Amino acid sequence: EPTGNLDLKTGAEIHAILHRLNKERGVTVICATHDHRLISLSDRILWIRDGQVERIANRSDVTVETGTIGGEENE
């Protein structure tokens, strides 16, 4: 969880760095997260249960919604 204990602003900066590394340098980024803001930047999403891949989907086939925390918009 690359943003697990970070404030929203710093978390957004980490998201931007990971996204930029992927798009500009072709780096594959693998993250375990519950943060839907990070999921929204992904190309593919894998669900893992009990150590086994349960489902794989293209990001474009999955609806991800985020809300606000303390009045701050998620990016």
C-alpha atoms as a PDB file:
ATOM      1  CA  GLU A   1       0.000   0.000   0.000  1.00  0.00           C
ATOM      2  CA  PRO A   2       2.157   2.868  -1.231  1.00  0.00           C
ATOM      3  CA  THR A   3      -0.190   5.522   0.185  1.00  0.00           C
ATOM      4  CA  GLY A   4      -1.558   3.693   3.243  1.00  0.00           C
ATOM      5  CA  ASN A   5      -0.430   6.127   5.960  1.00  0.00           C
ATOM      6  CA  LEU A   6      -0.106   9.315   3.926  1.00  0.00           C
ATOM      7  CA  ASP A   7      -2.206  12.461   3.841  1.00  0.00           C
ATOM      8  CA  LEU A   8      -4.275  13.072   0.680  1.00  0.00           C
ATOM      9  CA  LYS A   9      -1.853  15.561  -0.886  1.00  0.00           C
ATOM     10  CA  THR A  10       1.218  13.358  -0.446  1.00  0.00           C
ATOM     11  CA  GLY A  11      -0.752  10.304  -1.566  1.00  0.00           C
ATOM     12  CA  ALA A  12      -1.747  12.121  -4.766  1.00  0.00           C
ATOM     13  CA  GLU A  13       1.926  12.973  -5.381  1.00  0.00           C
ATOM     14  CA  ILE A  14       2.886   9.291  -5.023  1.00  0.00           C
ATOM     15  CA  HIS A  15       0.075   8.321  -7.417  1.00  0.00           C
ATOM     16  CA  ALA A  16       1.402  10.825  -9.954  1.00  0.00           C
ATOM     17  CA  ILE A  17       4.966   9.487  -9.654  1.00  0.00           C
ATOM     18  CA  LEU A  18       3.854   5.870 -10.153  1.00  0.00           C
ATOM     19  CA  HIS A  19       1.664   6.845 -13.109  1.00  0.00           C
ATOM     20  CA  ARG A  20       4.487   8.857 -14.691  1.00  0.00           C
ATOM     21  CA  LEU A  21       6.987   5.996 -14.267  1.00  0.00           C
ATOM     22  CA  ASN A  22       4.578   3.686 -16.054  1.00  0.00           C
ATOM     23  CA  LYS A  23       3.686   6.013 -18.922  1.00  0.00           C
ATOM     24  CA  GLU A  24       7.071   7.645 -19.555  1.00  0.00           C
ATOM     25  CA  ARG A  25       9.462   4.781 -18.796  1.00  0.00           C
ATOM     26  CA  GLY A  26       7.318   1.711 -19.355  1.00  0.00           C
ATOM     27  CA  VAL A  27       7.814   0.546 -15.769  1.00  0.00           C
ATOM     28  CA  THR A  28       5.293  -2.032 -14.587  1.00  0.00           C
ATOM     29  CA  VAL A  29       3.916  -1.047 -11.185  1.00  0.00           C
ATOM     30  CA  ILE A  30       2.338  -3.741  -9.022  1.00  0.00           C
ATOM     31  CA  CYS A  31       0.579  -2.515  -5.885  1.00  0.00           C
ATOM     32  CA  ALA A  32      -1.689  -4.058  -3.301  1.00  0.00           C
ATOM     33  CA  THR A  33      -4.184  -1.410  -2.263  1.00  0.00           C
ATOM     34  CA  HIS A  34      -7.647  -0.619  -0.994  1.00  0.00           C
ATOM     35  CA  ASP A  35      -7.252   2.954  -2.299  1.00  0.00           C
ATOM     36  CA  HIS A  36      -9.689   3.425  -5.164  1.00  0.00           C
ATOM     37  CA  ARG A  37      -7.809   6.531  -6.299  1.00  0.00           C
ATOM     38  CA  LEU A  38      -4.828   4.321  -7.154  1.00  0.00           C
ATOM     39  CA  ILE A  39      -7.076   1.736  -8.779  1.00  0.00           C
ATOM     40  CA  SER A  40      -8.448   4.456 -11.065  1.00  0.00           C
ATOM     41  CA  LEU A  41      -4.930   4.950 -12.531  1.00  0.00           C
ATOM     42  CA  SER A  42      -4.479   1.262 -13.319  1.00  0.00           C
ATOM     43  CA  ASP A  43      -4.615  -0.496 -16.679  1.00  0.00           C
ATOM     44  CA  ARG A  44      -5.518  -3.875 -15.178  1.00  0.00           C
ATOM     45  CA  ILE A  45      -6.904  -4.941 -11.824  1.00  0.00           C
ATOM     46  CA  LEU A  46      -6.401  -8.313 -10.151  1.00  0.00           C
ATOM     47  CA  TRP A  47      -8.448  -9.500  -7.201  1.00  0.00           C
ATOM     48  CA  ILE A  48      -6.664 -11.949  -4.911  1.00  0.00           C
ATOM     49  CA  ARG A  49      -8.398 -14.087  -2.297  1.00  0.00           C
ATOM     50  CA  ASP A  50      -6.701 -16.641  -0.073  1.00  0.00           C
ATOM     51  CA  GLY A  51      -3.483 -16.310  -2.074  1.00  0.00           C
ATOM     52  CA  GLN A  52      -5.141 -17.115  -5.401  1.00  0.00           C
ATOM     53  CA  VAL A  53      -5.980 -14.818  -8.300  1.00  0.00           C
ATOM     54  CA  GLU A  54      -9.756 -14.680  -8.254  1.00  0.00           C
ATOM     55  CA  ARG A  55     -10.410 -12.249 -11.089  1.00  0.00           C
ATOM     56  CA  ILE A  56      -8.526 -10.150 -13.657  1.00  0.00           C
ATOM     57  CA  ALA A  57     -10.149  -7.217 -15.443  1.00  0.00           C
ATOM     58  CA  ASN A  58      -9.116  -4.375 -17.692  1.00  0.00           C
ATOM     59  CA  ARG A  59      -9.531  -1.063 -15.891  1.00  0.00           C
ATOM     60  CA  SER A  60     -11.849   0.152 -18.664  1.00  0.00           C
ATOM     61  CA  ASP A  61     -14.286  -2.655 -17.777  1.00  0.00           C
ATOM     62  CA  VAL A  62     -14.510  -1.699 -14.085  1.00  0.00           C
ATOM     63  CA  THR A  63     -16.423   1.219 -12.587  1.00  0.00           C
ATOM     64  CA  VAL A  64     -14.476   2.886  -9.783  1.00  0.00           C
ATOM     65  CA  GLU A  65     -15.986   5.729  -7.796  1.00  0.00           C
ATOM     66  CA  THR A  66     -14.282   7.846  -5.167  1.00  0.00           C
ATOM     67  CA  GLY A  67     -15.783  10.401  -2.851  1.00  0.00           C
ATOM     68  CA  THR A  68     -14.421  13.057  -0.575  1.00  0.00           C
ATOM     69  CA  ILE A  69     -12.687  12.878   2.772  1.00  0.00           C
ATOM     70  CA  GLY A  70     -13.078  15.854   5.042  1.00  0.00           C
ATOM     71  CA  GLY A  71     -14.359  17.943   2.136  1.00  0.00           C
ATOM     72  CA  GLU A  72     -11.247  17.359   0.010  1.00  0.00           C
ATOM     73  CA  GLU A  73     -11.776  16.069  -3.511  1.00  0.00           C
ATOM     74  CA  ASN A  74      -9.860  12.939  -4.445  1.00  0.00           C
ATOM     75  CA  GLU A  75      -7.842  13.184  -7.616  1.00  0.00           C
END
